[in-house]
Amino acid sequence: MGLGWFKNLGGLLEREEFDLPNDAEIQAWADSIQAELVGAQGSEKTRLLYTLANAMIFLNQIQEKKKPKKPIVKNDKGKWVWVSDEDVQEKHELDDK
């Protein structure tokens, strides 16, 4: 256990890699939960509500992952800035030629 262990806390701070399921599967799962929720009462209704909330969180993560990210670059002052859509289109036009 040297200094390297303390910097990373034994691997606890590493970002975990995972594969997200298909969004159609999650949407079908959420729809089935909503159908079950119609007639549910008491603790069953609470369980289904929390399960539906988790399904919606998963669906949101999948949709966010599919969104194209806006590129950033360093400007002449060394600060990170968003690249405008016009600059991106111009670059792609130059690449096509």
PDB file of N, CA and C in Angstrom:
ATOM      1  N   MET A   1       0.841  -1.185   0.000  1.00  0.00           N
ATOM      2  CA  MET A   1       0.000   0.000   0.000  1.00  0.00           C
ATOM      3  C   MET A   1       0.882   1.242   0.000  1.00  0.00           C
ATOM      4  N   GLY A   2       1.252   1.661  -1.182  1.00  0.00           N
ATOM      5  CA  GLY A   2       2.064   2.855  -1.302  1.00  0.00           C
ATOM      6  C   GLY A   2       1.202   4.083  -1.539  1.00  0.00           C
ATOM      7  N   LEU A   3       1.831   5.147  -2.002  1.00  0.00           N
ATOM      8  CA  LEU A   3       1.110   6.391  -2.266  1.00  0.00           C
ATOM      9  C   LEU A   3       0.095   6.248  -3.392  1.00  0.00           C
ATOM     10  N   GLY A   4       0.387   5.391  -4.353  1.00  0.00           N
ATOM     11  CA  GLY A   4      -0.545   5.181  -5.465  1.00  0.00           C
ATOM     12  C   GLY A   4      -1.895   4.674  -4.995  1.00  0.00           C
ATOM     13  N   TRP A   5      -1.883   3.889  -3.940  1.00  0.00           N
ATOM     14  CA  TRP A   5      -3.142   3.371  -3.407  1.00  0.00           C
ATOM     15  C   TRP A   5      -3.989   4.489  -2.839  1.00  0.00           C
ATOM     16  N   PHE A   6      -3.370   5.447  -2.155  1.00  0.00           N
ATOM     17  CA  PHE A   6      -4.123   6.548  -1.561  1.00  0.00           C
ATOM     18  C   PHE A   6      -4.678   7.495  -2.614  1.00  0.00           C
ATOM     19  N   LYS A   7      -3.971   7.654  -3.724  1.00  0.00           N
ATOM     20  CA  LYS A   7      -4.466   8.534  -4.787  1.00  0.00           C
ATOM     21  C   LYS A   7      -5.746   8.001  -5.389  1.00  0.00           C
ATOM     22  N   ASN A   8      -5.870   6.696  -5.491  1.00  0.00           N
ATOM     23  CA  ASN A   8      -7.035   6.086  -6.122  1.00  0.00           C
ATOM     24  C   ASN A   8      -7.927   5.368  -5.116  1.00  0.00           C
ATOM     25  N   LEU A   9      -7.558   5.382  -3.855  1.00  0.00           N
ATOM     26  CA  LEU A   9      -8.300   4.706  -2.784  1.00  0.00           C
ATOM     27  C   LEU A   9      -8.582   3.246  -3.117  1.00  0.00           C
ATOM     28  N   GLY A  10      -7.580   2.586  -3.618  1.00  0.00           N
ATOM     29  CA  GLY A  10      -7.707   1.158  -3.889  1.00  0.00           C
ATOM     30  C   GLY A  10      -8.674   0.833  -5.004  1.00  0.00           C
ATOM     31  N   GLY A  11      -8.856   1.729  -5.966  1.00  0.00           N
ATOM     32  CA  GLY A  11      -9.749   1.461  -7.092  1.00  0.00           C
ATOM     33  C   GLY A  11     -11.177   1.912  -6.871  1.00  0.00           C
ATOM     34  N   LEU A  12     -11.483   2.517  -5.743  1.00  0.00           N
ATOM     35  CA  LEU A  12     -12.853   2.950  -5.466  1.00  0.00           C
ATOM     36  C   LEU A  12     -13.292   4.137  -6.318  1.00  0.00           C
ATOM     37  N   LEU A  13     -12.347   4.959  -6.769  1.00  0.00           N
ATOM     38  CA  LEU A  13     -12.700   6.149  -7.517  1.00  0.00           C
ATOM     39  C   LEU A  13     -12.696   5.950  -9.032  1.00  0.00           C
ATOM     40  N   GLU A  14     -12.409   4.737  -9.486  1.00  0.00           N
ATOM     41  CA  GLU A  14     -12.400   4.477 -10.920  1.00  0.00           C
ATOM     42  C   GLU A  14     -13.820   4.509 -11.463  1.00  0.00           C
ATOM     43  N   ARG A  15     -13.970   5.033 -12.661  1.00  0.00           N
ATOM     44  CA  ARG A  15     -15.278   5.102 -13.295  1.00  0.00           C
ATOM     45  C   ARG A  15     -15.645   3.719 -13.818  1.00  0.00           C
ATOM     46  N   GLU A  16     -16.817   3.272 -13.463  1.00  0.00           N
ATOM     47  CA  GLU A  16     -17.257   1.942 -13.855  1.00  0.00           C
ATOM     48  C   GLU A  16     -17.827   1.963 -15.271  1.00  0.00           C
ATOM     49  N   GLU A  17     -17.425   1.013 -16.091  1.00  0.00           N
ATOM     50  CA  GLU A  17     -17.940   0.894 -17.452  1.00  0.00           C
ATOM     51  C   GLU A  17     -19.143  -0.043 -17.449  1.00  0.00           C
ATOM     52  N   PHE A  18     -20.207   0.333 -18.133  1.00  0.00           N
ATOM     53  CA  PHE A  18     -21.380  -0.513 -18.217  1.00  0.00           C
ATOM     54  C   PHE A  18     -22.073  -0.283 -19.547  1.00  0.00           C
ATOM     55  N   ASP A  19     -22.827  -1.272 -19.986  1.00  0.00           N
ATOM     56  CA  ASP A  19     -23.590  -1.181 -21.227  1.00  0.00           C
ATOM     57  C   ASP A  19     -25.044  -0.904 -20.892  1.00  0.00           C
ATOM     58  N   LEU A  20     -25.612   0.095 -21.553  1.00  0.00           N
ATOM     59  CA  LEU A  20     -27.023   0.410 -21.340  1.00  0.00           C
ATOM     60  C   LEU A  20     -27.882  -0.481 -22.224  1.00  0.00           C
ATOM     61  N   PRO A  21     -29.019  -0.937 -21.719  1.00  0.00           N
ATOM     62  CA  PRO A  21     -29.901  -1.776 -22.544  1.00  0.00           C
ATOM     63  C   PRO A  21     -30.586  -0.962 -23.635  1.00  0.00           C
ATOM     64  N   ASN A  22     -31.270  -1.645 -24.511  1.00  0.00           N
ATOM     65  CA  ASN A  22     -32.000  -1.006 -25.600  1.00  0.00           C
ATOM     66  C   ASN A  22     -33.133  -0.155 -25.037  1.00  0.00           C
ATOM     67  N   ASP A  23     -33.343   1.040 -25.599  1.00  0.00           N
ATOM     68  CA  ASP A  23     -34.385   1.919 -25.066  1.00  0.00           C
ATOM     69  C   ASP A  23     -35.788   1.367 -25.309  1.00  0.00           C
ATOM     70  N   ALA A  24     -35.982   0.562 -26.343  1.00  0.00           N
ATOM     71  CA  ALA A  24     -37.298  -0.034 -26.594  1.00  0.00           C
ATOM     72  C   ALA A  24     -37.657  -1.035 -25.491  1.00  0.00           C
ATOM     73  N   GLU A  25     -36.652  -1.776 -25.010  1.00  0.00           N
ATOM     74  CA  GLU A  25     -36.890  -2.720 -23.912  1.00  0.00           C
ATOM     75  C   GLU A  25     -37.298  -1.996 -22.636  1.00  0.00           C
ATOM     76  N   ILE A  26     -36.602  -0.914 -22.331  1.00  0.00           N
ATOM     77  CA  ILE A  26     -36.906  -0.148 -21.122  1.00  0.00           C
ATOM     78  C   ILE A  26     -38.280   0.505 -21.236  1.00  0.00           C
ATOM     79  N   GLN A  27     -38.613   1.013 -22.435  1.00  0.00           N
ATOM     80  CA  GLN A  27     -39.928   1.633 -22.633  1.00  0.00           C
ATOM     81  C   GLN A  27     -41.033   0.592 -22.474  1.00  0.00           C
ATOM     82  N   ALA A  28     -40.827  -0.610 -22.987  1.00  0.00           N
ATOM     83  CA  ALA A  28     -41.815  -1.684 -22.829  1.00  0.00           C
ATOM     84  C   ALA A  28     -41.955  -2.066 -21.363  1.00  0.00           C
ATOM     85  N   TRP A  29     -40.836  -2.092 -20.647  1.00  0.00           N
ATOM     86  CA  TRP A  29     -40.859  -2.389 -19.211  1.00  0.00           C
ATOM     87  C   TRP A  29     -41.646  -1.319 -18.458  1.00  0.00           C
ATOM     88  N   ALA A  30     -41.409  -0.045 -18.784  1.00  0.00           N
ATOM     89  CA  ALA A  30     -42.120   1.055 -18.127  1.00  0.00           C
ATOM     90  C   ALA A  30     -43.614   0.999 -18.439  1.00  0.00           C
ATOM     91  N   ASP A  31     -43.964   0.660 -19.674  1.00  0.00           N
ATOM     92  CA  ASP A  31     -45.379   0.562 -20.047  1.00  0.00           C
ATOM     93  C   ASP A  31     -46.073  -0.567 -19.285  1.00  0.00           C
ATOM     94  N   SER A  32     -45.377  -1.686 -19.107  1.00  0.00           N
ATOM     95  CA  SER A  32     -45.977  -2.796 -18.360  1.00  0.00           C
ATOM     96  C   SER A  32     -46.159  -2.426 -16.885  1.00  0.00           C
ATOM     97  N   ILE A  33     -45.230  -1.672 -16.340  1.00  0.00           N
ATOM     98  CA  ILE A  33     -45.361  -1.229 -14.948  1.00  0.00           C
ATOM     99  C   ILE A  33     -46.541  -0.281 -14.807  1.00  0.00           C
ATOM    100  N   GLN A  34     -46.714   0.624 -15.779  1.00  0.00           N
ATOM    101  CA  GLN A  34     -47.852   1.548 -15.724  1.00  0.00           C
ATOM    102  C   GLN A  34     -49.170   0.793 -15.812  1.00  0.00           C
ATOM    103  N   ALA A  35     -49.225  -0.266 -16.600  1.00  0.00           N
ATOM    104  CA  ALA A  35     -50.445  -1.058 -16.707  1.00  0.00           C
ATOM    105  C   ALA A  35     -50.750  -1.754 -15.375  1.00  0.00           C
ATOM    106  N   GLU A  36     -49.717  -2.263 -14.700  1.00  0.00           N
ATOM    107  CA  GLU A  36     -49.911  -2.901 -13.401  1.00  0.00           C
ATOM    108  C   GLU A  36     -50.311  -1.888 -12.331  1.00  0.00           C
ATOM    109  N   LEU A  37     -49.867  -0.652 -12.489  1.00  0.00           N
ATOM    110  CA  LEU A  37     -50.099   0.389 -11.501  1.00  0.00           C
ATOM    111  C   LEU A  37     -51.555   0.806 -11.406  1.00  0.00           C
ATOM    112  N   VAL A  38     -52.324   0.583 -12.474  1.00  0.00           N
ATOM    113  CA  VAL A  38     -53.724   1.021 -12.513  1.00  0.00           C
ATOM    114  C   VAL A  38     -54.547   0.383 -11.394  1.00  0.00           C
ATOM    115  N   GLY A  39     -54.396  -0.893 -11.163  1.00  0.00           N
ATOM    116  CA  GLY A  39     -55.208  -1.569 -10.163  1.00  0.00           C
ATOM    117  C   GLY A  39     -54.510  -1.803  -8.837  1.00  0.00           C
ATOM    118  N   ALA A  40     -53.286  -1.314  -8.683  1.00  0.00           N
ATOM    119  CA  ALA A  40     -52.515  -1.593  -7.469  1.00  0.00           C
ATOM    120  C   ALA A  40     -52.948  -0.703  -6.314  1.00  0.00           C
ATOM    121  N   GLN A  41     -52.790  -1.230  -5.097  1.00  0.00           N
ATOM    122  CA  GLN A  41     -53.120  -0.468  -3.894  1.00  0.00           C
ATOM    123  C   GLN A  41     -52.079  -0.724  -2.823  1.00  0.00           C
ATOM    124  N   GLY A  42     -51.923   0.223  -1.929  1.00  0.00           N
ATOM    125  CA  GLY A  42     -51.057   0.053  -0.766  1.00  0.00           C
ATOM    126  C   GLY A  42     -49.590  -0.044  -1.111  1.00  0.00           C
ATOM    127  N   SER A  43     -48.927  -0.991  -0.448  1.00  0.00           N
ATOM    128  CA  SER A  43     -47.477  -1.122  -0.615  1.00  0.00           C
ATOM    129  C   SER A  43     -47.111  -1.585  -2.028  1.00  0.00           C
ATOM    130  N   GLU A  44     -47.999  -2.326  -2.675  1.00  0.00           N
ATOM    131  CA  GLU A  44     -47.742  -2.755  -4.058  1.00  0.00           C
ATOM    132  C   GLU A  44     -47.674  -1.542  -4.986  1.00  0.00           C
ATOM    133  N   LYS A  45     -48.551  -0.572  -4.754  1.00  0.00           N
ATOM    134  CA  LYS A  45     -48.560   0.649  -5.559  1.00  0.00           C
ATOM    135  C   LYS A  45     -47.262   1.438  -5.343  1.00  0.00           C
ATOM    136  N   THR A  46     -46.816   1.501  -4.094  1.00  0.00           N
ATOM    137  CA  THR A  46     -45.571   2.198  -3.782  1.00  0.00           C
ATOM    138  C   THR A  46     -44.389   1.520  -4.465  1.00  0.00           C
ATOM    139  N   ARG A  47     -44.338   0.197  -4.409  1.00  0.00           N
ATOM    140  CA  ARG A  47     -43.255  -0.548  -5.050  1.00  0.00           C
ATOM    141  C   ARG A  47     -43.238  -0.300  -6.552  1.00  0.00           C
ATOM    142  N   LEU A  48     -44.420  -0.313  -7.171  1.00  0.00           N
ATOM    143  CA  LEU A  48     -44.504  -0.088  -8.619  1.00  0.00           C
ATOM    144  C   LEU A  48     -44.111   1.341  -8.983  1.00  0.00           C
ATOM    145  N   LEU A  49     -44.467   2.307  -8.139  1.00  0.00           N
ATOM    146  CA  LEU A  49     -44.087   3.699  -8.414  1.00  0.00           C
ATOM    147  C   LEU A  49     -42.570   3.870  -8.399  1.00  0.00           C
ATOM    148  N   TYR A  50     -41.917   3.273  -7.411  1.00  0.00           N
ATOM    149  CA  TYR A  50     -40.456   3.362  -7.351  1.00  0.00           C
ATOM    150  C   TYR A  50     -39.814   2.608  -8.519  1.00  0.00           C
ATOM    151  N   THR A  51     -40.369   1.490  -8.904  1.00  0.00           N
ATOM    152  CA  THR A  51     -39.840   0.738 -10.044  1.00  0.00           C
ATOM    153  C   THR A  51     -40.009   1.534 -11.332  1.00  0.00           C
ATOM    154  N   LEU A  52     -41.153   2.199 -11.468  1.00  0.00           N
ATOM    155  CA  LEU A  52     -41.388   3.043 -12.646  1.00  0.00           C
ATOM    156  C   LEU A  52     -40.417   4.218 -12.678  1.00  0.00           C
ATOM    157  N   ALA A  53     -40.152   4.810 -11.515  1.00  0.00           N
ATOM    158  CA  ALA A  53     -39.191   5.913 -11.454  1.00  0.00           C
ATOM    159  C   ALA A  53     -37.803   5.449 -11.888  1.00  0.00           C
ATOM    160  N   ASN A  54     -37.398   4.262 -11.450  1.00  0.00           N
ATOM    161  CA  ASN A  54     -36.103   3.718 -11.868  1.00  0.00           C
ATOM    162  C   ASN A  54     -36.058   3.462 -13.367  1.00  0.00           C
ATOM    163  N   ALA A  55     -37.151   2.950 -13.923  1.00  0.00           N
ATOM    164  CA  ALA A  55     -37.214   2.703 -15.368  1.00  0.00           C
ATOM    165  C   ALA A  55     -37.079   4.012 -16.139  1.00  0.00           C
ATOM    166  N   MET A  56     -37.715   5.067 -15.642  1.00  0.00           N
ATOM    167  CA  MET A  56     -37.625   6.363 -16.313  1.00  0.00           C
ATOM    168  C   MET A  56     -36.219   6.949 -16.219  1.00  0.00           C
ATOM    169  N   ILE A  57     -35.538   6.712 -15.108  1.00  0.00           N
ATOM    170  CA  ILE A  57     -34.151   7.170 -14.975  1.00  0.00           C
ATOM    171  C   ILE A  57     -33.259   6.447 -15.983  1.00  0.00           C
ATOM    172  N   PHE A  58     -33.442   5.124 -16.106  1.00  0.00           N
ATOM    173  CA  PHE A  58     -32.674   4.356 -17.091  1.00  0.00           C
ATOM    174  C   PHE A  58     -32.949   4.861 -18.504  1.00  0.00           C
ATOM    175  N   LEU A  59     -34.217   5.107 -18.812  1.00  0.00           N
ATOM    176  CA  LEU A  59     -34.592   5.580 -20.144  1.00  0.00           C
ATOM    177  C   LEU A  59     -33.967   6.943 -20.430  1.00  0.00           C
ATOM    178  N   ASN A  60     -33.952   7.809 -19.442  1.00  0.00           N
ATOM    179  CA  ASN A  60     -33.342   9.126 -19.605  1.00  0.00           C
ATOM    180  C   ASN A  60     -31.845   9.006 -19.859  1.00  0.00           C
ATOM    181  N   GLN A  61     -31.165   8.109 -19.148  1.00  0.00           N
ATOM    182  CA  GLN A  61     -29.731   7.919 -19.355  1.00  0.00           C
ATOM    183  C   GLN A  61     -29.434   7.406 -20.760  1.00  0.00           C
ATOM    184  N   ILE A  62     -30.265   6.508 -21.249  1.00  0.00           N
ATOM    185  CA  ILE A  62     -30.069   5.973 -22.589  1.00  0.00           C
ATOM    186  C   ILE A  62     -30.257   7.065 -23.629  1.00  0.00           C
ATOM    187  N   GLN A  63     -31.292   7.889 -23.470  1.00  0.00           N
ATOM    188  CA  GLN A  63     -31.553   8.952 -24.440  1.00  0.00           C
ATOM    189  C   GLN A  63     -30.472  10.023 -24.388  1.00  0.00           C
ATOM    190  N   GLU A  64     -29.953  10.327 -23.203  1.00  0.00           N
ATOM    191  CA  GLU A  64     -28.875  11.307 -23.082  1.00  0.00           C
ATOM    192  C   GLU A  64     -27.600  10.803 -23.745  1.00  0.00           C
ATOM    193  N   LYS A  65     -27.355   9.506 -23.634  1.00  0.00           N
ATOM    194  CA  LYS A  65     -26.147   8.931 -24.232  1.00  0.00           C
ATOM    195  C   LYS A  65     -26.209   8.994 -25.767  1.00  0.00           C
ATOM    196  N   LYS A  66     -27.430   8.924 -26.323  1.00  0.00           N
ATOM    197  CA  LYS A  66     -27.586   8.957 -27.772  1.00  0.00           C
ATOM    198  C   LYS A  66     -27.486  10.369 -28.345  1.00  0.00           C
ATOM    199  N   LYS A  67     -27.688  11.402 -27.512  1.00  0.00           N
ATOM    200  CA  LYS A  67     -27.630  12.775 -28.002  1.00  0.00           C
ATOM    201  C   LYS A  67     -26.213  13.114 -28.442  1.00  0.00           C
ATOM    202  N   PRO A  68     -26.080  13.818 -29.551  1.00  0.00           N
ATOM    203  CA  PRO A  68     -24.735  14.237 -29.947  1.00  0.00           C
ATOM    204  C   PRO A  68     -24.224  15.319 -29.000  1.00  0.00           C
ATOM    205  N   LYS A  69     -22.979  15.194 -28.611  1.00  0.00           N
ATOM    206  CA  LYS A  69     -22.378  16.155 -27.699  1.00  0.00           C
ATOM    207  C   LYS A  69     -21.813  17.326 -28.485  1.00  0.00           C
ATOM    208  N   LYS A  70     -21.967  18.522 -27.928  1.00  0.00           N
ATOM    209  CA  LYS A  70     -21.438  19.709 -28.566  1.00  0.00           C
ATOM    210  C   LYS A  70     -19.932  19.758 -28.310  1.00  0.00           C
ATOM    211  N   PRO A  71     -19.132  19.915 -29.357  1.00  0.00           N
ATOM    212  CA  PRO A  71     -17.681  19.881 -29.163  1.00  0.00           C
ATOM    213  C   PRO A  71     -17.165  21.138 -28.461  1.00  0.00           C
ATOM    214  N   ILE A  72     -16.082  20.971 -27.706  1.00  0.00           N
ATOM    215  CA  ILE A  72     -15.419  22.105 -27.071  1.00  0.00           C
ATOM    216  C   ILE A  72     -13.960  22.108 -27.491  1.00  0.00           C
ATOM    217  N   VAL A  73     -13.388  23.313 -27.573  1.00  0.00           N
ATOM    218  CA  VAL A  73     -11.978  23.476 -27.915  1.00  0.00           C
ATOM    219  C   VAL A  73     -11.398  24.585 -27.042  1.00  0.00           C
ATOM    220  N   LYS A  74     -10.084  24.672 -27.022  1.00  0.00           N
ATOM    221  CA  LYS A  74      -9.435  25.762 -26.296  1.00  0.00           C
ATOM    222  C   LYS A  74      -9.360  26.975 -27.211  1.00  0.00           C
ATOM    223  N   ASN A  75      -9.710  28.136 -26.666  1.00  0.00           N
ATOM    224  CA  ASN A  75      -9.578  29.359 -27.448  1.00  0.00           C
ATOM    225  C   ASN A  75      -8.160  29.903 -27.330  1.00  0.00           C
ATOM    226  N   ASP A  76      -7.925  31.103 -27.899  1.00  0.00           N
ATOM    227  CA  ASP A  76      -6.578  31.665 -27.901  1.00  0.00           C
ATOM    228  C   ASP A  76      -6.086  32.050 -26.508  1.00  0.00           C
ATOM    229  N   LYS A  77      -6.996  32.150 -25.530  1.00  0.00           N
ATOM    230  CA  LYS A  77      -6.601  32.476 -24.159  1.00  0.00           C
ATOM    231  C   LYS A  77      -6.371  31.221 -23.314  1.00  0.00           C
ATOM    232  N   GLY A  78      -6.570  30.049 -23.907  1.00  0.00           N
ATOM    233  CA  GLY A  78      -6.353  28.801 -23.196  1.00  0.00           C
ATOM    234  C   GLY A  78      -7.544  28.319 -22.390  1.00  0.00           C
ATOM    235  N   LYS A  79      -8.718  28.936 -22.594  1.00  0.00           N
ATOM    236  CA  LYS A  79      -9.924  28.524 -21.886  1.00  0.00           C
ATOM    237  C   LYS A  79     -10.755  27.610 -22.781  1.00  0.00           C
ATOM    238  N   TRP A  80     -11.460  26.664 -22.157  1.00  0.00           N
ATOM    239  CA  TRP A  80     -12.326  25.763 -22.908  1.00  0.00           C
ATOM    240  C   TRP A  80     -13.626  26.484 -23.229  1.00  0.00           C
ATOM    241  N   VAL A  81     -14.022  26.462 -24.520  1.00  0.00           N
ATOM    242  CA  VAL A  81     -15.254  27.126 -24.962  1.00  0.00           C
ATOM    243  C   VAL A  81     -16.024  26.189 -25.886  1.00  0.00           C
ATOM    244  N   TRP A  82     -17.345  26.396 -25.962  1.00  0.00           N
ATOM    245  CA  TRP A  82     -18.178  25.628 -26.877  1.00  0.00           C
ATOM    246  C   TRP A  82     -17.915  26.079 -28.301  1.00  0.00           C
ATOM    247  N   VAL A  83     -17.896  25.153 -29.229  1.00  0.00           N
ATOM    248  CA  VAL A  83     -17.731  25.459 -30.642  1.00  0.00           C
ATOM    249  C   VAL A  83     -19.118  25.732 -31.217  1.00  0.00           C
ATOM    250  N   SER A  84     -19.246  26.808 -31.975  1.00  0.00           N
ATOM    251  CA  SER A  84     -20.551  27.136 -32.547  1.00  0.00           C
ATOM    252  C   SER A  84     -20.909  26.142 -33.647  1.00  0.00           C
ATOM    253  N   ASP A  85     -22.197  26.001 -33.911  1.00  0.00           N
ATOM    254  CA  ASP A  85     -22.650  25.066 -34.938  1.00  0.00           C
ATOM    255  C   ASP A  85     -22.138  25.449 -36.322  1.00  0.00           C
ATOM    256  N   GLU A  86     -21.988  26.752 -36.581  1.00  0.00           N
ATOM    257  CA  GLU A  86     -21.490  27.196 -37.886  1.00  0.00           C
ATOM    258  C   GLU A  86     -20.055  26.731 -38.116  1.00  0.00           C
ATOM    259  N   ASP A  87     -19.232  26.814 -37.057  1.00  0.00           N
ATOM    260  CA  ASP A  87     -17.837  26.372 -37.183  1.00  0.00           C
ATOM    261  C   ASP A  87     -17.751  24.876 -37.460  1.00  0.00           C
ATOM    262  N   VAL A  88     -18.619  24.110 -36.835  1.00  0.00           N
ATOM    263  CA  VAL A  88     -18.627  22.664 -37.040  1.00  0.00           C
ATOM    264  C   VAL A  88     -19.041  22.343 -38.467  1.00  0.00           C
ATOM    265  N   GLN A  89     -20.067  23.055 -38.989  1.00  0.00           N
ATOM    266  CA  GLN A  89     -20.528  22.817 -40.358  1.00  0.00           C
ATOM    267  C   GLN A  89     -19.452  23.198 -41.360  1.00  0.00           C
ATOM    268  N   GLU A  90     -18.752  24.316 -41.124  1.00  0.00           N
ATOM    269  CA  GLU A  90     -17.680  24.727 -42.024  1.00  0.00           C
ATOM    270  C   GLU A  90     -16.575  23.680 -42.068  1.00  0.00           C
ATOM    271  N   LYS A  91     -16.233  23.120 -40.911  1.00  0.00           N
ATOM    272  CA  LYS A  91     -15.184  22.109 -40.854  1.00  0.00           C
ATOM    273  C   LYS A  91     -15.589  20.870 -41.648  1.00  0.00           C
ATOM    274  N   HIS A  92     -16.868  20.472 -41.511  1.00  0.00           N
ATOM    275  CA  HIS A  92     -17.333  19.300 -42.252  1.00  0.00           C
ATOM    276  C   HIS A  92     -17.382  19.576 -43.750  1.00  0.00           C
ATOM    277  N   GLU A  93     -17.702  20.801 -44.141  1.00  0.00           N
ATOM    278  CA  GLU A  93     -17.708  21.154 -45.558  1.00  0.00           C
ATOM    279  C   GLU A  93     -16.299  21.083 -46.114  1.00  0.00           C
ATOM    280  N   LEU A  94     -15.309  21.536 -45.332  1.00  0.00           N
ATOM    281  CA  LEU A  94     -13.924  21.467 -45.790  1.00  0.00           C
ATOM    282  C   LEU A  94     -13.444  20.020 -45.886  1.00  0.00           C
ATOM    283  N   ASP A  95     -13.917  19.169 -44.961  1.00  0.00           N
ATOM    284  CA  ASP A  95     -13.537  17.755 -44.989  1.00  0.00           C
ATOM    285  C   ASP A  95     -14.109  17.047 -46.200  1.00  0.00           C
ATOM    286  N   ASP A  96     -15.303  17.467 -46.666  1.00  0.00           N
ATOM    287  CA  ASP A  96     -15.946  16.824 -47.803  1.00  0.00           C
ATOM    288  C   ASP A  96     -15.263  17.139 -49.119  1.00  0.00           C
ATOM    289  N   LYS A  97     -14.547  18.259 -49.185  1.00  0.00           N
ATOM    290  CA  LYS A  97     -13.910  18.660 -50.444  1.00  0.00           C
ATOM    291  C   LYS A  97     -12.656  17.893 -50.723  1.00  0.00           C
TER     292      LYS A  97
END
